[in-house]
Each structure stands twice: as structure tokens, then as C-alpha cells.
Amino acid sequence: LFTGDHVLGEGTPFVGSGFGGIFYGVTKEEGKSWWFEGDMDLYMKSLEKLLSLEIKLILPAHGPVPTDPYGRIVETLERKRFREKRLVEILREGRKSLETIINELYGQVNDVYMVRGATLGYLSKLVKEEKAKFTMEKGKLYFELVQ
């Protein structure tokens, strides 16, 4: 199976916008919609679907060819789930700005746009599942868990 960047030979792929995410929205109560470029929910479901296929070999677009296709898919999925779980733990502490969440989730990073986009991917998934909600104040995004 040629996986392109979907499943890599090492590391995990970036799911989001390379420019830090395109996130638009207002609260659900106002009847408006929101969206994010880079669907973490769809990506994780597609990894689960790959596990149901008979795969003997996966060929990523770059990097080494994994010797254990299923193991590599499971490893990728577990890494994404771990990051999402950590994000939920951060939000359990209360409402936080996107910048604070990024800092707590990743610490100091060189490529802030990549981690911003990835973080928005996870947050978008949680909002879509109605596990989290967001507000925007003075041009800053804030997120919190739904009680």
C-alpha cells in the first residue's frame, strides 16, 4: 500500500495547515459554523480503517519502509491519541488561550506555525465531538472542556 505522507517510516505526519491553521468560527449557540483546515478526526479514523485491511507492505512518500506495517500504523495512531489525551489533561485545568495550550503541550519549539496548526487540529476534533468549546476575545482563541 502506497501511504504517501499518511503513514511515514519514522515520526508522525503533520495534520493541519502549514501556516498555523485556518480556523474560523463563532459559538454554536449563535448558529454559526466553524472549521479548520486539517481534520484530525478524519485522519485518526482513516488510520483505524487501515488496520482492517490486509497489508503486507506500506510505502511512505519518504523515509524508511517500515518492516512491520501494522505496528507502524498502531504506533502512529497511539502517538496521536497520546497527544490528544495530554491536551484534554491541559484543558481540565480550565479555560486557556491557544498560545498557553501550545506552550504547555509542546514547550518551546522552533516552528510555532507547525505546532499551532497541529494543536488546532486536535482542538478542532474535540470541538467537533462537543468535548470542548471555544470563544474568541480581542482576537485570541480560548478553549475549555464542555461540562
Protein backbone atom coordinates (compact mmCIF):
# COMPACT_ATOMS: atom_id res chain seq x y z
CA LEU A 1 0.00 0.00 0.00
CA PHE A 2 1.46 3.36 -1.00
CA THR A 3 0.72 5.57 2.01
CA GLY A 4 2.34 8.81 0.86
CA ASP A 5 2.57 11.02 3.94
CA HIS A 6 -0.35 9.28 5.64
CA VAL A 7 1.86 6.74 7.43
CA LEU A 8 5.56 7.53 7.49
CA GLY A 9 8.51 5.23 8.03
CA GLU A 10 9.53 7.28 11.05
CA GLY A 11 7.88 10.07 13.00
CA THR A 12 4.25 11.03 12.55
CA PRO A 13 2.76 13.21 9.83
CA PHE A 14 1.63 16.76 10.42
CA VAL A 15 -2.15 17.11 10.23
CA GLY A 16 -3.06 20.76 9.81
CA SER A 17 -2.19 23.87 7.88
CA GLY A 18 1.46 24.68 7.39
CA PHE A 19 0.59 28.30 8.13
CA GLY A 20 -0.68 27.59 11.62
CA GLY A 21 -4.20 26.54 10.81
CA ILE A 22 -7.12 28.25 9.23
CA PHE A 23 -9.69 28.36 11.99
CA TYR A 24 -12.94 30.25 11.68
CA GLY A 25 -15.85 30.15 13.98
CA VAL A 26 -18.22 31.60 16.43
CA THR A 27 -20.08 29.82 19.16
CA LYS A 28 -22.52 27.09 18.27
CA GLU A 29 -25.22 28.93 20.21
CA GLU A 30 -25.07 31.74 17.65
CA GLY A 31 -25.90 29.24 14.93
CA LYS A 32 -22.70 29.84 13.03
CA SER A 33 -20.28 27.23 11.81
CA TRP A 34 -16.59 26.73 12.41
CA TRP A 35 -13.97 24.81 10.52
CA PHE A 36 -10.30 24.04 10.48
CA GLU A 37 -8.03 23.07 7.62
CA GLY A 38 -6.64 19.67 8.62
CA ASP A 39 -9.12 17.15 10.02
CA MET A 40 -7.53 15.17 12.87
CA ASP A 41 -10.75 13.21 13.43
CA LEU A 42 -10.82 12.03 9.82
CA TYR A 43 -7.10 11.25 9.90
CA MET A 44 -7.38 9.09 13.03
CA LYS A 45 -10.43 7.25 11.64
CA SER A 46 -8.54 6.56 8.44
CA LEU A 47 -5.67 5.02 10.44
CA GLU A 48 -8.19 2.76 12.17
CA LYS A 49 -9.57 1.77 8.77
CA LEU A 50 -6.08 0.86 7.56
CA LEU A 51 -5.84 -1.61 10.45
CA SER A 52 -8.79 -3.54 8.98
CA LEU A 53 -7.01 -4.09 5.65
CA GLU A 54 -4.69 -6.93 4.73
CA ILE A 55 -1.44 -5.05 4.28
CA LYS A 56 1.88 -6.75 3.61
CA LEU A 57 3.87 -3.64 2.84
CA ILE A 58 3.46 0.09 3.21
CA LEU A 59 5.47 2.52 1.13
CA PRO A 60 5.68 6.05 2.54
CA ALA A 61 6.48 9.00 0.29
CA HIS A 62 9.80 9.44 2.10
CA GLY A 63 11.81 7.90 4.89
CA PRO A 64 12.43 4.23 5.56
CA VAL A 65 10.00 1.48 4.61
CA PRO A 66 8.53 0.07 7.85
CA THR A 67 9.24 -3.62 8.43
CA ASP A 68 6.01 -4.03 10.45
CA PRO A 69 3.15 -2.24 8.64
CA TYR A 70 0.51 -2.82 11.33
CA GLY A 71 2.91 -1.96 14.12
CA ARG A 72 3.77 1.31 12.38
CA ILE A 73 0.10 2.21 11.91
CA VAL A 74 -0.67 1.39 15.56
CA GLU A 75 2.36 3.42 16.69
CA THR A 76 1.18 6.43 14.67
CA LEU A 77 -2.37 6.16 15.99
CA GLU A 78 -1.18 5.77 19.59
CA ARG A 79 1.03 8.85 19.27
CA LYS A 80 -1.91 10.93 18.04
CA ARG A 81 -4.13 9.57 20.85
CA PHE A 82 -1.43 10.34 23.43
CA ARG A 83 -1.19 13.96 22.26
CA GLU A 84 -4.98 14.32 22.34
CA LYS A 85 -5.12 12.84 25.87
CA ARG A 86 -2.44 15.28 27.02
CA LEU A 87 -4.42 18.15 25.52
CA VAL A 88 -7.55 17.09 27.44
CA GLU A 89 -5.49 16.99 30.65
CA ILE A 90 -4.35 20.56 29.99
CA LEU A 91 -7.94 21.71 29.40
CA ARG A 92 -9.12 20.02 32.62
CA GLU A 93 -7.23 22.80 34.41
CA GLY A 94 -9.69 25.30 32.95
CA ARG A 95 -10.14 27.74 30.09
CA LYS A 96 -6.89 28.56 28.30
CA SER A 97 -5.71 30.60 25.35
CA LEU A 98 -4.43 28.80 22.29
CA GLU A 99 -0.94 30.18 22.96
CA THR A 100 -0.97 28.83 26.54
CA ILE A 101 -2.17 25.42 25.34
CA ILE A 102 0.60 25.26 22.73
CA ASN A 103 3.24 26.19 25.30
CA GLU A 104 2.01 23.56 27.77
CA LEU A 105 1.61 20.88 25.10
CA TYR A 106 4.90 21.38 23.24
CA GLY A 107 7.06 23.74 25.29
CA GLN A 108 9.50 25.92 23.37
CA VAL A 109 9.59 24.99 19.68
CA ASN A 110 11.35 26.27 16.60
CA ASP A 111 8.40 26.02 14.23
CA VAL A 112 5.49 27.66 16.01
CA TYR A 113 3.30 27.54 12.90
CA MET A 114 3.52 23.76 12.64
CA VAL A 115 2.62 23.18 16.29
CA ARG A 116 -0.12 25.82 16.10
CA GLY A 117 -1.67 24.01 13.14
CA ALA A 118 -1.33 20.60 14.79
CA THR A 119 -2.80 21.87 18.07
CA LEU A 120 -5.75 23.39 16.22
CA GLY A 121 -6.23 20.00 14.54
CA TYR A 122 -6.63 18.30 17.92
CA LEU A 123 -8.78 21.13 19.31
CA SER A 124 -10.96 21.07 16.22
CA LYS A 125 -11.56 17.35 16.76
CA LEU A 126 -12.59 17.95 20.38
CA VAL A 127 -14.93 20.80 19.37
CA LYS A 128 -16.44 18.67 16.61
CA GLU A 129 -17.08 15.89 19.17
CA GLU A 130 -18.61 18.51 21.53
CA LYS A 131 -15.99 17.72 24.18
CA ALA A 132 -14.57 21.24 24.04
CA LYS A 133 -15.77 24.69 23.10
CA PHE A 134 -14.07 27.91 22.14
CA THR A 135 -14.51 31.64 22.36
CA MET A 136 -12.64 34.48 20.74
CA GLU A 137 -11.79 37.58 22.73
CA LYS A 138 -9.81 40.50 21.38
CA GLY A 139 -8.52 38.37 18.51
CA LYS A 140 -7.36 35.49 20.74
CA LEU A 141 -8.82 31.99 20.76
CA TYR A 142 -9.69 30.40 24.11
CA PHE A 143 -10.67 26.78 24.65
CA GLU A 144 -12.24 24.86 27.51
CA LEU A 145 -13.84 21.47 28.07
CA VAL A 146 -17.62 21.20 27.86
CA GLN A 147 -19.02 20.49 31.32
